Structure formats: C-alpha cells, structure tokens
Amino acid sequence: MARYKFSGRLKELIEHAEIGEVQDIDFIMSHLTSDSTFAMTRCVDYALSIVDNAKGISQIEFYLFNGTIIQRNYSTLFFNRRGNWDIVNRAFKLGLIDEIQAFSR
C-alpha cells in the first residue's frame, strides 16, 4: 500500500493521531475553534480518523460530552464512522448534538 507524504500542519496532526494519547487528542482538538478554516477542519477530521489508541478514543469521547460544539461535532463524526451508535445516541439524548449531526457520517 502506498504511503502518502504529508507536510506541515497536517503532518503534525497525523503524528499526534498515530500516537493517540490524551495529550495528542487535546492537541488535535485545540485546532477546532470558531476561527478554524475549512481546510483545518478537514485536516483535523482526517487526523481523528487515524486514532486507534484506547486512551485517545476515550479522550475523543470526553470531547463528545464536554467539548465545544465544533469539537462535539467532529467527535460525533468519529464515532459514527466507527459504528459506535450507542455513544452517539447518548450524546443526542442529552442534547449535546443535534439530530442532523447525530445521524451524519
């Protein structure tokens, strides 16, 4: 399988995602703000898709229930893509994400 070469901020986000410790997820999520560019949100989304460390996944769950709206939205996408419907439904029932976000992939 070909491995793509990434550079700059995307490379940095991917490196953190591959490690996937709590502080790495915090670093990635810190790039999701009301000032984030569309390009940055795509980079964060891609980086989150790489996370496979149990501690990292747990930290993404933390952001689903405690993050800003944009952090909750990208956490929702992460769990939706993994098929973790129970956790997404819990967040939806608590009013932390809206119906559109809860059922998007």
N, C-alpha and C. Protein backbone atom coordinates (compact mmCIF):
# COMPACT_ATOMS: atom_id res chain seq x y z
N MET A 1 0.83 -1.17 0.00
CA MET A 1 0.00 0.00 0.00
C MET A 1 0.88 1.24 0.00
N ALA A 2 0.60 2.17 -0.87
CA ALA A 2 1.39 3.39 -0.96
C ALA A 2 1.16 4.26 0.27
N ARG A 3 2.20 4.85 0.73
CA ARG A 3 2.11 5.76 1.88
C ARG A 3 2.31 7.17 1.36
N TYR A 4 1.34 8.02 1.64
CA TYR A 4 1.43 9.40 1.18
C TYR A 4 2.39 10.18 2.06
N LYS A 5 3.03 11.17 1.47
CA LYS A 5 3.91 12.06 2.23
C LYS A 5 3.14 13.32 2.56
N PHE A 6 3.04 13.61 3.83
CA PHE A 6 2.34 14.80 4.28
C PHE A 6 3.36 15.78 4.84
N SER A 7 3.01 17.04 4.82
CA SER A 7 3.92 18.04 5.36
C SER A 7 3.14 19.05 6.16
N GLY A 8 3.87 19.88 6.88
CA GLY A 8 3.27 20.99 7.60
C GLY A 8 2.34 20.57 8.71
N ARG A 9 1.28 21.35 8.88
CA ARG A 9 0.35 21.15 9.98
C ARG A 9 -0.35 19.79 9.89
N LEU A 10 -0.71 19.36 8.69
CA LEU A 10 -1.36 18.06 8.54
C LEU A 10 -0.45 16.95 9.04
N LYS A 11 0.81 17.00 8.69
CA LYS A 11 1.77 16.00 9.15
C LYS A 11 1.84 15.98 10.67
N GLU A 12 1.86 17.15 11.27
CA GLU A 12 1.91 17.26 12.73
C GLU A 12 0.65 16.64 13.37
N LEU A 13 -0.50 16.95 12.80
CA LEU A 13 -1.75 16.38 13.33
C LEU A 13 -1.76 14.86 13.19
N ILE A 14 -1.30 14.36 12.06
CA ILE A 14 -1.25 12.91 11.84
C ILE A 14 -0.31 12.24 12.83
N GLU A 15 0.84 12.85 13.07
CA GLU A 15 1.78 12.29 14.04
C GLU A 15 1.14 12.17 15.42
N HIS A 16 0.41 13.19 15.83
CA HIS A 16 -0.28 13.14 17.12
C HIS A 16 -1.37 12.06 17.10
N ALA A 17 -2.08 11.95 16.00
CA ALA A 17 -3.15 10.95 15.89
C ALA A 17 -2.59 9.54 15.96
N GLU A 18 -1.45 9.32 15.33
CA GLU A 18 -0.85 7.98 15.34
C GLU A 18 -0.41 7.59 16.75
N ILE A 19 0.05 8.55 17.54
CA ILE A 19 0.39 8.26 18.94
C ILE A 19 -0.90 8.07 19.73
N GLY A 20 -1.80 9.03 19.62
CA GLY A 20 -3.15 8.90 20.15
C GLY A 20 -3.31 8.92 21.65
N GLU A 21 -2.35 9.48 22.37
CA GLU A 21 -2.50 9.62 23.82
C GLU A 21 -3.43 10.81 24.11
N VAL A 22 -3.83 10.94 25.36
CA VAL A 22 -4.76 12.00 25.77
C VAL A 22 -4.27 13.37 25.31
N GLN A 23 -3.01 13.67 25.57
CA GLN A 23 -2.47 14.99 25.20
C GLN A 23 -2.42 15.18 23.69
N ASP A 24 -2.31 14.10 22.95
CA ASP A 24 -2.32 14.19 21.49
C ASP A 24 -3.71 14.56 20.98
N ILE A 25 -4.73 13.98 21.57
CA ILE A 25 -6.10 14.32 21.19
C ILE A 25 -6.39 15.76 21.58
N ASP A 26 -5.92 16.17 22.75
CA ASP A 26 -6.09 17.57 23.16
C ASP A 26 -5.45 18.51 22.14
N PHE A 27 -4.27 18.15 21.67
CA PHE A 27 -3.58 18.96 20.66
C PHE A 27 -4.42 19.05 19.39
N ILE A 28 -4.92 17.92 18.92
CA ILE A 28 -5.72 17.90 17.70
C ILE A 28 -6.99 18.73 17.88
N MET A 29 -7.69 18.51 18.98
CA MET A 29 -8.94 19.22 19.23
C MET A 29 -8.74 20.72 19.42
N SER A 30 -7.55 21.11 19.85
CA SER A 30 -7.29 22.55 20.04
C SER A 30 -7.34 23.31 18.72
N HIS A 31 -7.31 22.59 17.62
CA HIS A 31 -7.37 23.23 16.31
C HIS A 31 -8.80 23.42 15.80
N LEU A 32 -9.76 23.00 16.60
CA LEU A 32 -11.17 23.19 16.25
C LEU A 32 -11.74 24.34 17.07
N THR A 33 -11.76 25.50 16.46
CA THR A 33 -12.27 26.70 17.12
C THR A 33 -13.23 27.41 16.17
N SER A 34 -13.85 28.44 16.67
CA SER A 34 -14.76 29.21 15.81
C SER A 34 -13.99 29.91 14.68
N ASP A 35 -12.68 30.01 14.82
CA ASP A 35 -11.84 30.64 13.79
C ASP A 35 -11.20 29.63 12.84
N SER A 36 -11.48 28.35 13.02
CA SER A 36 -10.85 27.32 12.18
C SER A 36 -11.28 27.49 10.73
N THR A 37 -10.32 27.36 9.84
CA THR A 37 -10.62 27.40 8.41
C THR A 37 -11.22 26.06 8.00
N PHE A 38 -11.87 26.05 6.85
CA PHE A 38 -12.40 24.81 6.31
C PHE A 38 -11.27 23.79 6.13
N ALA A 39 -10.15 24.26 5.61
CA ALA A 39 -9.00 23.37 5.39
C ALA A 39 -8.54 22.74 6.71
N MET A 40 -8.50 23.53 7.77
CA MET A 40 -8.06 23.00 9.06
C MET A 40 -9.06 21.96 9.57
N THR A 41 -10.34 22.20 9.42
CA THR A 41 -11.32 21.22 9.90
C THR A 41 -11.18 19.91 9.14
N ARG A 42 -10.86 19.98 7.84
CA ARG A 42 -10.63 18.75 7.06
C ARG A 42 -9.40 18.02 7.57
N CYS A 43 -8.35 18.76 7.90
CA CYS A 43 -7.13 18.14 8.42
C CYS A 43 -7.40 17.46 9.76
N VAL A 44 -8.14 18.14 10.63
CA VAL A 44 -8.47 17.55 11.93
C VAL A 44 -9.33 16.31 11.73
N ASP A 45 -10.30 16.40 10.86
CA ASP A 45 -11.18 15.25 10.60
C ASP A 45 -10.35 14.06 10.13
N TYR A 46 -9.44 14.29 9.22
CA TYR A 46 -8.59 13.21 8.73
C TYR A 46 -7.73 12.65 9.87
N ALA A 47 -7.12 13.53 10.64
CA ALA A 47 -6.26 13.07 11.74
C ALA A 47 -7.06 12.23 12.74
N LEU A 48 -8.24 12.69 13.09
CA LEU A 48 -9.05 11.92 14.04
C LEU A 48 -9.38 10.53 13.51
N SER A 49 -9.54 10.42 12.20
CA SER A 49 -9.89 9.12 11.62
C SER A 49 -8.78 8.09 11.81
N ILE A 50 -7.59 8.53 12.12
CA ILE A 50 -6.43 7.65 12.30
C ILE A 50 -6.32 7.13 13.73
N VAL A 51 -6.92 7.82 14.68
CA VAL A 51 -6.77 7.47 16.09
C VAL A 51 -7.29 6.07 16.34
N ASP A 52 -6.43 5.25 16.98
CA ASP A 52 -6.79 3.87 17.27
C ASP A 52 -6.38 3.46 18.69
N ASN A 53 -5.77 4.35 19.42
CA ASN A 53 -5.33 4.11 20.78
C ASN A 53 -6.53 4.23 21.72
N ALA A 54 -6.72 3.27 22.62
CA ALA A 54 -7.87 3.28 23.52
C ALA A 54 -7.94 4.56 24.35
N LYS A 55 -6.79 5.04 24.81
CA LYS A 55 -6.79 6.30 25.58
C LYS A 55 -7.24 7.46 24.71
N GLY A 56 -6.81 7.47 23.48
CA GLY A 56 -7.20 8.52 22.56
C GLY A 56 -8.69 8.49 22.25
N ILE A 57 -9.21 7.29 22.04
CA ILE A 57 -10.63 7.14 21.77
C ILE A 57 -11.44 7.60 22.98
N SER A 58 -10.97 7.26 24.15
CA SER A 58 -11.64 7.72 25.38
C SER A 58 -11.62 9.24 25.49
N GLN A 59 -10.53 9.85 25.05
CA GLN A 59 -10.44 11.32 25.10
C GLN A 59 -11.37 11.95 24.06
N ILE A 60 -11.53 11.32 22.92
CA ILE A 60 -12.49 11.82 21.93
C ILE A 60 -13.90 11.73 22.53
N GLU A 61 -14.18 10.66 23.26
CA GLU A 61 -15.46 10.55 23.95
C GLU A 61 -15.64 11.69 24.95
N PHE A 62 -14.57 12.02 25.66
CA PHE A 62 -14.62 13.16 26.58
C PHE A 62 -15.07 14.42 25.84
N TYR A 63 -14.49 14.67 24.67
CA TYR A 63 -14.85 15.85 23.90
C TYR A 63 -16.28 15.78 23.38
N LEU A 64 -16.78 14.59 23.10
CA LEU A 64 -18.16 14.45 22.67
C LEU A 64 -19.12 14.96 23.74
N PHE A 65 -18.78 14.74 24.99
CA PHE A 65 -19.66 15.13 26.09
C PHE A 65 -19.26 16.44 26.76
N ASN A 66 -18.06 16.94 26.51
CA ASN A 66 -17.59 18.12 27.23
C ASN A 66 -16.98 19.21 26.36
N GLY A 67 -16.83 18.96 25.08
CA GLY A 67 -16.16 19.91 24.20
C GLY A 67 -17.08 21.03 23.74
N THR A 68 -16.50 21.91 22.96
CA THR A 68 -17.28 22.96 22.31
C THR A 68 -18.16 22.30 21.25
N ILE A 69 -19.07 23.05 20.69
CA ILE A 69 -19.97 22.46 19.69
C ILE A 69 -19.20 21.89 18.50
N ILE A 70 -18.17 22.58 18.03
CA ILE A 70 -17.41 22.06 16.89
C ILE A 70 -16.63 20.80 17.28
N GLN A 71 -16.11 20.76 18.50
CA GLN A 71 -15.40 19.57 18.96
C GLN A 71 -16.38 18.40 19.13
N ARG A 72 -17.57 18.68 19.62
CA ARG A 72 -18.59 17.63 19.74
C ARG A 72 -18.99 17.11 18.37
N ASN A 73 -19.12 18.01 17.40
CA ASN A 73 -19.50 17.59 16.05
C ASN A 73 -18.46 16.66 15.43
N TYR A 74 -17.19 16.99 15.55
CA TYR A 74 -16.16 16.13 14.97
C TYR A 74 -15.97 14.84 15.76
N SER A 75 -16.23 14.89 17.05
CA SER A 75 -16.23 13.66 17.85
C SER A 75 -17.36 12.75 17.40
N THR A 76 -18.53 13.35 17.13
CA THR A 76 -19.67 12.58 16.63
C THR A 76 -19.33 11.89 15.32
N LEU A 77 -18.72 12.63 14.40
CA LEU A 77 -18.32 12.02 13.13
C LEU A 77 -17.39 10.83 13.35
N PHE A 78 -16.46 10.99 14.27
CA PHE A 78 -15.52 9.91 14.58
C PHE A 78 -16.28 8.65 15.00
N PHE A 79 -17.19 8.80 15.95
CA PHE A 79 -17.92 7.63 16.46
C PHE A 79 -18.92 7.09 15.45
N ASN A 80 -19.56 7.96 14.69
CA ASN A 80 -20.47 7.49 13.64
C ASN A 80 -19.75 6.63 12.63
N ARG A 81 -18.60 7.07 12.20
CA ARG A 81 -17.84 6.32 11.20
C ARG A 81 -17.36 4.97 11.72
N ARG A 82 -17.20 4.87 13.02
CA ARG A 82 -16.79 3.61 13.64
C ARG A 82 -17.98 2.72 13.97
N GLY A 83 -19.18 3.25 13.78
CA GLY A 83 -20.38 2.48 14.08
C GLY A 83 -20.71 2.42 15.56
N ASN A 84 -20.19 3.37 16.34
CA ASN A 84 -20.46 3.41 17.77
C ASN A 84 -21.74 4.21 18.05
N TRP A 85 -22.87 3.60 17.67
CA TRP A 85 -24.16 4.30 17.74
C TRP A 85 -24.60 4.58 19.17
N ASP A 86 -24.28 3.69 20.11
CA ASP A 86 -24.73 3.89 21.48
C ASP A 86 -24.21 5.19 22.07
N ILE A 87 -22.95 5.46 21.88
CA ILE A 87 -22.36 6.67 22.44
C ILE A 87 -22.94 7.92 21.77
N VAL A 88 -23.16 7.84 20.47
CA VAL A 88 -23.74 8.98 19.74
C VAL A 88 -25.17 9.21 20.21
N ASN A 89 -25.93 8.15 20.38
CA ASN A 89 -27.30 8.29 20.85
C ASN A 89 -27.37 8.88 22.25
N ARG A 90 -26.42 8.50 23.10
CA ARG A 90 -26.37 9.09 24.46
C ARG A 90 -26.17 10.59 24.38
N ALA A 91 -25.22 11.03 23.56
CA ALA A 91 -24.96 12.46 23.40
C ALA A 91 -26.17 13.18 22.82
N PHE A 92 -26.84 12.54 21.87
CA PHE A 92 -28.03 13.12 21.26
C PHE A 92 -29.15 13.27 22.29
N LYS A 93 -29.39 12.23 23.08
CA LYS A 93 -30.44 12.28 24.10
C LYS A 93 -30.15 13.32 25.18
N LEU A 94 -28.88 13.62 25.40
CA LEU A 94 -28.51 14.66 26.37
C LEU A 94 -28.58 16.07 25.75
N GLY A 95 -28.88 16.14 24.46
CA GLY A 95 -28.98 17.43 23.79
C GLY A 95 -27.64 18.06 23.44
N LEU A 96 -26.59 17.26 23.42
CA LEU A 96 -25.25 17.78 23.15
C LEU A 96 -24.97 17.92 21.66
N ILE A 97 -25.69 17.16 20.85
CA ILE A 97 -25.58 17.24 19.40
C ILE A 97 -27.00 17.24 18.83
N ASP A 98 -27.14 17.81 17.66
CA ASP A 98 -28.48 17.84 17.06
C ASP A 98 -28.72 16.58 16.23
N GLU A 99 -29.95 16.45 15.75
CA GLU A 99 -30.35 15.26 15.01
C GLU A 99 -29.53 15.08 13.73
N ILE A 100 -29.29 16.18 13.04
CA ILE A 100 -28.51 16.10 11.80
C ILE A 100 -27.12 15.56 12.07
N GLN A 101 -26.48 16.08 13.10
CA GLN A 101 -25.13 15.64 13.44
C GLN A 101 -25.14 14.20 13.94
N ALA A 102 -26.13 13.86 14.72
CA ALA A 102 -26.18 12.52 15.30
C ALA A 102 -26.26 11.43 14.24
N PHE A 103 -26.89 11.73 13.12
CA PHE A 103 -27.09 10.70 12.12
C PHE A 103 -26.28 10.90 10.85
N SER A 104 -25.32 11.82 10.89
CA SER A 104 -24.46 12.03 9.72
C SER A 104 -23.25 11.10 9.78
N ARG A 105 -22.65 10.90 8.63
CA ARG A 105 -21.46 10.05 8.57
C ARG A 105 -20.43 10.76 7.77
